[in-house]
Amino acid sequence: VFPDEIIIDEDEQKLTYRKGQIIGHKETT
């Protein structure tokens, strides 16, 4: 239902890990 996502932004030099939940999502940058 909620696949893991990884977003890499080389310009801002950051990684975002996103895990969906029933309400909203958990995000780590």
PDB file of all heavy atoms in Angstrom:
ATOM      1  N   VAL A   1       0.822  -1.208   0.000  1.00  0.00           N
ATOM      2  CA  VAL A   1       0.000   0.000   0.000  1.00  0.00           C
ATOM      3  C   VAL A   1       0.855   1.257   0.000  1.00  0.00           C
ATOM      4  O   VAL A   1       0.557   2.226  -0.691  1.00  0.00           O
ATOM      5  CB  VAL A   1      -0.953   0.003   1.222  1.00  0.00           C
ATOM      6  CG1 VAL A   1      -1.796   1.263   1.248  1.00  0.00           C
ATOM      7  CG2 VAL A   1      -1.851  -1.224   1.197  1.00  0.00           C
ATOM      8  N   PHE A   2       1.944   1.234   0.777  1.00  0.00           N
ATOM      9  CA  PHE A   2       2.786   2.418   0.944  1.00  0.00           C
ATOM     10  C   PHE A   2       4.241   2.091   0.615  1.00  0.00           C
ATOM     11  O   PHE A   2       5.016   1.758   1.505  1.00  0.00           O
ATOM     12  CB  PHE A   2       2.696   2.931   2.386  1.00  0.00           C
ATOM     13  CG  PHE A   2       1.293   3.175   2.852  1.00  0.00           C
ATOM     14  CD1 PHE A   2       0.713   2.361   3.800  1.00  0.00           C
ATOM     15  CD2 PHE A   2       0.549   4.220   2.330  1.00  0.00           C
ATOM     16  CE1 PHE A   2      -0.580   2.592   4.237  1.00  0.00           C
ATOM     17  CE2 PHE A   2      -0.749   4.447   2.756  1.00  0.00           C
ATOM     18  CZ  PHE A   2      -1.312   3.630   3.708  1.00  0.00           C
ATOM     19  N   PRO A   3       4.638   2.152  -0.653  1.00  0.00           N
ATOM     20  CA  PRO A   3       6.022   1.824  -1.002  1.00  0.00           C
ATOM     21  C   PRO A   3       7.016   2.866  -0.484  1.00  0.00           C
ATOM     22  O   PRO A   3       6.691   4.050  -0.374  1.00  0.00           O
ATOM     23  CB  PRO A   3       6.006   1.798  -2.527  1.00  0.00           C
ATOM     24  CG  PRO A   3       4.867   2.681  -2.913  1.00  0.00           C
ATOM     25  CD  PRO A   3       3.851   2.540  -1.812  1.00  0.00           C
ATOM     26  N   ASP A   4       8.220   2.397  -0.159  1.00  0.00           N
ATOM     27  CA  ASP A   4       9.288   3.299   0.261  1.00  0.00           C
ATOM     28  C   ASP A   4       9.696   4.182  -0.916  1.00  0.00           C
ATOM     29  O   ASP A   4       9.645   3.759  -2.073  1.00  0.00           O
ATOM     30  CB  ASP A   4      10.513   2.502   0.725  1.00  0.00           C
ATOM     31  CG  ASP A   4      10.282   1.771   2.040  1.00  0.00           C
ATOM     32  OD1 ASP A   4       9.249   2.013   2.688  1.00  0.00           O
ATOM     33  OD2 ASP A   4      11.142   0.968   2.423  1.00  0.00           O
ATOM     34  N   GLU A   5      10.114   5.401  -0.602  1.00  0.00           N
ATOM     35  CA  GLU A   5      10.597   6.330  -1.620  1.00  0.00           C
ATOM     36  C   GLU A   5      11.919   6.933  -1.160  1.00  0.00           C
ATOM     37  O   GLU A   5      12.084   7.230   0.026  1.00  0.00           O
ATOM     38  CB  GLU A   5       9.614   7.472  -1.845  1.00  0.00           C
ATOM     39  CG  GLU A   5       8.283   7.058  -2.412  1.00  0.00           C
ATOM     40  CD  GLU A   5       7.359   8.243  -2.549  1.00  0.00           C
ATOM     41  OE1 GLU A   5       7.570   9.066  -3.456  1.00  0.00           O
ATOM     42  OE2 GLU A   5       6.439   8.344  -1.712  1.00  0.00           O
ATOM     43  N   ILE A   6      12.830   7.110  -2.095  1.00  0.00           N
ATOM     44  CA  ILE A   6      14.081   7.819  -1.836  1.00  0.00           C
ATOM     45  C   ILE A   6      14.194   8.918  -2.880  1.00  0.00           C
ATOM     46  O   ILE A   6      14.088   8.663  -4.079  1.00  0.00           O
ATOM     47  CB  ILE A   6      15.300   6.890  -1.889  1.00  0.00           C
ATOM     48  CG1 ILE A   6      15.270   5.917  -0.709  1.00  0.00           C
ATOM     49  CG2 ILE A   6      16.599   7.697  -1.883  1.00  0.00           C
ATOM     50  CD1 ILE A   6      16.429   4.955  -0.654  1.00  0.00           C
ATOM     51  N   ILE A   7      14.415  10.140  -2.395  1.00  0.00           N
ATOM     52  CA  ILE A   7      14.553  11.301  -3.272  1.00  0.00           C
ATOM     53  C   ILE A   7      15.935  11.885  -3.015  1.00  0.00           C
ATOM     54  O   ILE A   7      16.285  12.188  -1.876  1.00  0.00           O
ATOM     55  CB  ILE A   7      13.463  12.343  -2.978  1.00  0.00           C
ATOM     56  CG1 ILE A   7      12.077  11.703  -3.161  1.00  0.00           C
ATOM     57  CG2 ILE A   7      13.635  13.570  -3.865  1.00  0.00           C
ATOM     58  CD1 ILE A   7      10.965  12.414  -2.454  1.00  0.00           C
ATOM     59  N   ILE A   8      16.717  12.013  -4.077  1.00  0.00           N
ATOM     60  CA  ILE A   8      18.073  12.554  -3.970  1.00  0.00           C
ATOM     61  C   ILE A   8      18.123  13.855  -4.761  1.00  0.00           C
ATOM     62  O   ILE A   8      17.808  13.892  -5.944  1.00  0.00           O
ATOM     63  CB  ILE A   8      19.118  11.556  -4.509  1.00  0.00           C
ATOM     64  CG1 ILE A   8      19.082  10.275  -3.660  1.00  0.00           C
ATOM     65  CG2 ILE A   8      20.509  12.177  -4.519  1.00  0.00           C
ATOM     66  CD1 ILE A   8      19.943   9.160  -4.189  1.00  0.00           C
ATOM     67  N   ASP A   9      18.516  14.916  -4.069  1.00  0.00           N
ATOM     68  CA  ASP A   9      18.645  16.234  -4.683  1.00  0.00           C
ATOM     69  C   ASP A   9      20.117  16.631  -4.606  1.00  0.00           C
ATOM     70  O   ASP A   9      20.598  17.027  -3.551  1.00  0.00           O
ATOM     71  CB  ASP A   9      17.765  17.241  -3.943  1.00  0.00           C
ATOM     72  CG  ASP A   9      17.721  18.598  -4.635  1.00  0.00           C
ATOM     73  OD1 ASP A   9      18.652  18.914  -5.405  1.00  0.00           O
ATOM     74  OD2 ASP A   9      16.761  19.339  -4.391  1.00  0.00           O
ATOM     75  N   GLU A  10      20.821  16.481  -5.724  1.00  0.00           N
ATOM     76  CA  GLU A  10      22.260  16.785  -5.742  1.00  0.00           C
ATOM     77  C   GLU A  10      22.533  18.280  -5.620  1.00  0.00           C
ATOM     78  O   GLU A  10      23.565  18.670  -5.096  1.00  0.00           O
ATOM     79  CB  GLU A  10      22.905  16.227  -7.010  1.00  0.00           C
ATOM     80  CG  GLU A  10      23.041  14.722  -6.981  1.00  0.00           C
ATOM     81  CD  GLU A  10      23.806  14.182  -8.169  1.00  0.00           C
ATOM     82  OE1 GLU A  10      23.740  14.788  -9.266  1.00  0.00           O
ATOM     83  OE2 GLU A  10      24.482  13.155  -7.992  1.00  0.00           O
ATOM     84  N   ASP A  11      21.623  19.106  -6.113  1.00  0.00           N
ATOM     85  CA  ASP A  11      21.825  20.553  -6.023  1.00  0.00           C
ATOM     86  C   ASP A  11      21.818  21.030  -4.578  1.00  0.00           C
ATOM     87  O   ASP A  11      22.633  21.858  -4.181  1.00  0.00           O
ATOM     88  CB  ASP A  11      20.768  21.303  -6.836  1.00  0.00           C
ATOM     89  CG  ASP A  11      20.892  21.043  -8.328  1.00  0.00           C
ATOM     90  OD1 ASP A  11      22.010  20.734  -8.786  1.00  0.00           O
ATOM     91  OD2 ASP A  11      19.875  21.146  -9.029  1.00  0.00           O
ATOM     92  N   GLU A  12      20.886  20.518  -3.790  1.00  0.00           N
ATOM     93  CA  GLU A  12      20.796  20.903  -2.381  1.00  0.00           C
ATOM     94  C   GLU A  12      21.598  19.975  -1.469  1.00  0.00           C
ATOM     95  O   GLU A  12      21.610  20.170  -0.252  1.00  0.00           O
ATOM     96  CB  GLU A  12      19.338  20.956  -1.940  1.00  0.00           C
ATOM     97  CG  GLU A  12      18.567  22.069  -2.611  1.00  0.00           C
ATOM     98  CD  GLU A  12      17.197  22.275  -2.004  1.00  0.00           C
ATOM     99  OE1 GLU A  12      16.994  21.916  -0.831  1.00  0.00           O
ATOM    100  OE2 GLU A  12      16.333  22.809  -2.711  1.00  0.00           O
ATOM    101  N   GLN A  13      22.231  18.956  -2.056  1.00  0.00           N
ATOM    102  CA  GLN A  13      23.067  18.013  -1.308  1.00  0.00           C
ATOM    103  C   GLN A  13      22.293  17.350  -0.172  1.00  0.00           C
ATOM    104  O   GLN A  13      22.724  17.335   0.979  1.00  0.00           O
ATOM    105  CB  GLN A  13      24.309  18.728  -0.751  1.00  0.00           C
ATOM    106  CG  GLN A  13      25.248  19.246  -1.816  1.00  0.00           C
ATOM    107  CD  GLN A  13      26.022  18.118  -2.463  1.00  0.00           C
ATOM    108  OE1 GLN A  13      26.749  17.408  -1.802  1.00  0.00           O
ATOM    109  NE2 GLN A  13      25.855  17.950  -3.761  1.00  0.00           N
ATOM    110  N   LYS A  14      21.108  16.790  -0.515  1.00  0.00           N
ATOM    111  CA  LYS A  14      20.322  16.133   0.519  1.00  0.00           C
ATOM    112  C   LYS A  14      19.578  14.911  -0.019  1.00  0.00           C
ATOM    113  O   LYS A  14      19.338  14.789  -1.220  1.00  0.00           O
ATOM    114  CB  LYS A  14      19.327  17.097   1.162  1.00  0.00           C
ATOM    115  CG  LYS A  14      18.190  17.523   0.265  1.00  0.00           C
ATOM    116  CD  LYS A  14      17.229  18.450   0.991  1.00  0.00           C
ATOM    117  CE  LYS A  14      16.040  18.779   0.102  1.00  0.00           C
ATOM    118  NZ  LYS A  14      15.065  19.614   0.799  1.00  0.00           N
ATOM    119  N   LEU A  15      19.247  14.017   0.900  1.00  0.00           N
ATOM    120  CA  LEU A  15      18.497  12.819   0.606  1.00  0.00           C
ATOM    121  C   LEU A  15      17.239  12.837   1.472  1.00  0.00           C
ATOM    122  O   LEU A  15      17.291  13.209   2.647  1.00  0.00           O
ATOM    123  CB  LEU A  15      19.331  11.577   0.964  1.00  0.00           C
ATOM    124  CG  LEU A  15      18.578  10.264   1.037  1.00  0.00           C
ATOM    125  CD1 LEU A  15      19.349   9.194   0.325  1.00  0.00           C
ATOM    126  CD2 LEU A  15      18.317   9.847   2.458  1.00  0.00           C
ATOM    127  N   THR A  16      16.113  12.440   0.891  1.00  0.00           N
ATOM    128  CA  THR A  16      14.871  12.337   1.645  1.00  0.00           C
ATOM    129  C   THR A  16      14.357  10.913   1.519  1.00  0.00           C
ATOM    130  O   THR A  16      14.235  10.378   0.415  1.00  0.00           O
ATOM    131  CB  THR A  16      13.803  13.320   1.109  1.00  0.00           C
ATOM    132  OG1 THR A  16      14.325  14.642   1.173  1.00  0.00           O
ATOM    133  CG2 THR A  16      12.529  13.242   1.917  1.00  0.00           C
ATOM    134  N   TYR A  17      14.089  10.278   2.667  1.00  0.00           N
ATOM    135  CA  TYR A  17      13.499   8.942   2.713  1.00  0.00           C
ATOM    136  C   TYR A  17      12.065   9.108   3.183  1.00  0.00           C
ATOM    137  O   TYR A  17      11.806   9.733   4.197  1.00  0.00           O
ATOM    138  CB  TYR A  17      14.277   8.035   3.669  1.00  0.00           C
ATOM    139  CG  TYR A  17      13.556   6.755   4.016  1.00  0.00           C
ATOM    140  CD1 TYR A  17      13.345   5.783   3.054  1.00  0.00           C
ATOM    141  CD2 TYR A  17      13.072   6.533   5.289  1.00  0.00           C
ATOM    142  CE1 TYR A  17      12.674   4.617   3.365  1.00  0.00           C
ATOM    143  CE2 TYR A  17      12.404   5.368   5.610  1.00  0.00           C
ATOM    144  CZ  TYR A  17      12.211   4.401   4.637  1.00  0.00           C
ATOM    145  OH  TYR A  17      11.538   3.251   4.942  1.00  0.00           O
ATOM    146  N   ARG A  18      11.131   8.548   2.428  1.00  0.00           N
ATOM    147  CA  ARG A  18       9.715   8.714   2.743  1.00  0.00           C
ATOM    148  C   ARG A  18       9.050   7.338   2.825  1.00  0.00           C
ATOM    149  O   ARG A  18       9.183   6.520   1.927  1.00  0.00           O
ATOM    150  CB  ARG A  18       9.051   9.548   1.667  1.00  0.00           C
ATOM    151  CG  ARG A  18       7.643   9.955   1.985  1.00  0.00           C
ATOM    152  CD  ARG A  18       7.058  10.848   0.906  1.00  0.00           C
ATOM    153  NE  ARG A  18       7.766  12.127   0.869  1.00  0.00           N
ATOM    154  CZ  ARG A  18       7.913  12.856  -0.215  1.00  0.00           C
ATOM    155  NH1 ARG A  18       7.428  12.453  -1.364  1.00  0.00           N
ATOM    156  NH2 ARG A  18       8.556  14.007  -0.160  1.00  0.00           N
ATOM    157  N   LYS A  19       8.339   7.109   3.915  1.00  0.00           N
ATOM    158  CA  LYS A  19       7.580   5.881   4.129  1.00  0.00           C
ATOM    159  C   LYS A  19       6.144   6.271   4.420  1.00  0.00           C
ATOM    160  O   LYS A  19       5.867   6.952   5.412  1.00  0.00           O
ATOM    161  CB  LYS A  19       8.174   5.087   5.299  1.00  0.00           C
ATOM    162  CG  LYS A  19       7.411   3.823   5.637  1.00  0.00           C
ATOM    163  CD  LYS A  19       7.529   2.823   4.520  1.00  0.00           C
ATOM    164  CE  LYS A  19       6.812   1.523   4.881  1.00  0.00           C
ATOM    165  NZ  LYS A  19       6.738   0.626   3.748  1.00  0.00           N
ATOM    166  N   GLY A  20       5.218   5.862   3.565  1.00  0.00           N
ATOM    167  CA  GLY A  20       3.815   6.197   3.750  1.00  0.00           C
ATOM    168  C   GLY A  20       3.198   5.450   4.918  1.00  0.00           C
ATOM    169  O   GLY A  20       3.654   4.385   5.307  1.00  0.00           O
ATOM    170  N   GLN A  21       2.170   6.040   5.476  1.00  0.00           N
ATOM    171  CA  GLN A  21       1.412   5.432   6.565  1.00  0.00           C
ATOM    172  C   GLN A  21      -0.067   5.621   6.277  1.00  0.00           C
ATOM    173  O   GLN A  21      -0.439   6.289   5.305  1.00  0.00           O
ATOM    174  CB  GLN A  21       1.785   6.096   7.893  1.00  0.00           C
ATOM    175  CG  GLN A  21       3.239   5.927   8.253  1.00  0.00           C
ATOM    176  CD  GLN A  21       3.626   6.701   9.511  1.00  0.00           C
ATOM    177  OE1 GLN A  21       2.924   7.597   9.939  1.00  0.00           O
ATOM    178  NE2 GLN A  21       4.756   6.334  10.088  1.00  0.00           N
ATOM    179  N   ILE A  22      -0.911   5.051   7.113  1.00  0.00           N
ATOM    180  CA  ILE A  22      -2.346   5.166   6.889  1.00  0.00           C
ATOM    181  C   ILE A  22      -2.762   6.635   6.831  1.00  0.00           C
ATOM    182  O   ILE A  22      -3.530   7.041   5.973  1.00  0.00           O
ATOM    183  CB  ILE A  22      -3.131   4.413   7.978  1.00  0.00           C
ATOM    184  CG1 ILE A  22      -2.887   2.917   7.809  1.00  0.00           C
ATOM    185  CG2 ILE A  22      -4.612   4.718   7.907  1.00  0.00           C
ATOM    186  CD1 ILE A  22      -3.489   2.052   8.870  1.00  0.00           C
ATOM    187  N   ILE A  23      -2.248   7.416   7.744  1.00  0.00           N
ATOM    188  CA  ILE A  23      -2.510   8.860   7.719  1.00  0.00           C
ATOM    189  C   ILE A  23      -1.174   9.573   7.573  1.00  0.00           C
ATOM    190  O   ILE A  23      -0.326   9.527   8.450  1.00  0.00           O
ATOM    191  CB  ILE A  23      -3.215   9.324   9.014  1.00  0.00           C
ATOM    192  CG1 ILE A  23      -4.567   8.629   9.142  1.00  0.00           C
ATOM    193  CG2 ILE A  23      -3.375  10.830   9.025  1.00  0.00           C
ATOM    194  CD1 ILE A  23      -5.285   8.891  10.428  1.00  0.00           C
ATOM    195  N   GLY A  24      -0.949  10.199   6.426  1.00  0.00           N
ATOM    196  CA  GLY A  24       0.291  10.940   6.183  1.00  0.00           C
ATOM    197  C   GLY A  24       1.458  10.040   5.805  1.00  0.00           C
ATOM    198  O   GLY A  24       1.274   8.962   5.241  1.00  0.00           O
ATOM    199  N   HIS A  25       2.644  10.491   6.150  1.00  0.00           N
ATOM    200  CA  HIS A  25       3.847   9.724   5.872  1.00  0.00           C
ATOM    201  C   HIS A  25       4.946  10.122   6.844  1.00  0.00           C
ATOM    202  O   HIS A  25       4.903  11.187   7.455  1.00  0.00           O
ATOM    203  CB  HIS A  25       4.321   9.930   4.426  1.00  0.00           C
ATOM    204  CG  HIS A  25       4.672  11.343   4.094  1.00  0.00           C
ATOM    205  ND1 HIS A  25       3.747  12.230   3.621  1.00  0.00           N
ATOM    206  CD2 HIS A  25       5.834  12.039   4.179  1.00  0.00           C
ATOM    207  CE1 HIS A  25       4.333  13.401   3.421  1.00  0.00           C
ATOM    208  NE2 HIS A  25       5.602  13.317   3.757  1.00  0.00           N
ATOM    209  N   LYS A  26       5.918   9.234   6.990  1.00  0.00           N
ATOM    210  CA  LYS A  26       7.097   9.514   7.811  1.00  0.00           C
ATOM    211  C   LYS A  26       8.205   9.911   6.846  1.00  0.00           C
ATOM    212  O   LYS A  26       8.447   9.217   5.861  1.00  0.00           O
ATOM    213  CB  LYS A  26       7.497   8.265   8.595  1.00  0.00           C
ATOM    214  CG  LYS A  26       8.723   8.454   9.441  1.00  0.00           C
ATOM    215  CD  LYS A  26       9.075   7.161  10.164  1.00  0.00           C
ATOM    216  CE  LYS A  26      10.371   7.335  10.925  1.00  0.00           C
ATOM    217  NZ  LYS A  26      10.793   6.085  11.541  1.00  0.00           N
ATOM    218  N   GLU A  27       8.862  11.023   7.125  1.00  0.00           N
ATOM    219  CA  GLU A  27       9.881  11.530   6.211  1.00  0.00           C
ATOM    220  C   GLU A  27      11.148  11.864   6.990  1.00  0.00           C
ATOM    221  O   GLU A  27      11.094  12.499   8.035  1.00  0.00           O
ATOM    222  CB  GLU A  27       9.342  12.774   5.508  1.00  0.00           C
ATOM    223  CG  GLU A  27      10.226  13.310   4.427  1.00  0.00           C
ATOM    224  CD  GLU A  27       9.542  14.397   3.626  1.00  0.00           C
ATOM    225  OE1 GLU A  27       8.632  14.077   2.851  1.00  0.00           O
ATOM    226  OE2 GLU A  27       9.917  15.560   3.796  1.00  0.00           O
ATOM    227  N   THR A  28      12.275  11.394   6.466  1.00  0.00           N
ATOM    228  CA  THR A  28      13.576  11.678   7.056  1.00  0.00           C
ATOM    229  C   THR A  28      14.433  12.338   5.990  1.00  0.00           C
ATOM    230  O   THR A  28      14.560  11.809   4.883  1.00  0.00           O
ATOM    231  CB  THR A  28      14.263  10.384   7.535  1.00  0.00           C
ATOM    232  OG1 THR A  28      13.399   9.703   8.442  1.00  0.00           O
ATOM    233  CG2 THR A  28      15.583  10.674   8.204  1.00  0.00           C
ATOM    234  N   THR A  29      15.011  13.492   6.318  1.00  0.00           N
ATOM    235  CA  THR A  29      15.875  14.195   5.385  1.00  0.00           C
ATOM    236  C   THR A  29      17.280  14.271   5.967  1.00  0.00           C
ATOM    237  O   THR A  29      17.453  14.599   7.134  1.00  0.00           O
ATOM    238  CB  THR A  29      15.344  15.620   5.117  1.00  0.00           C
ATOM    239  OG1 THR A  29      14.019  15.512   4.572  1.00  0.00           O
ATOM    240  CG2 THR A  29      16.224  16.360   4.124  1.00  0.00           C
TER     241      THR A  29
END
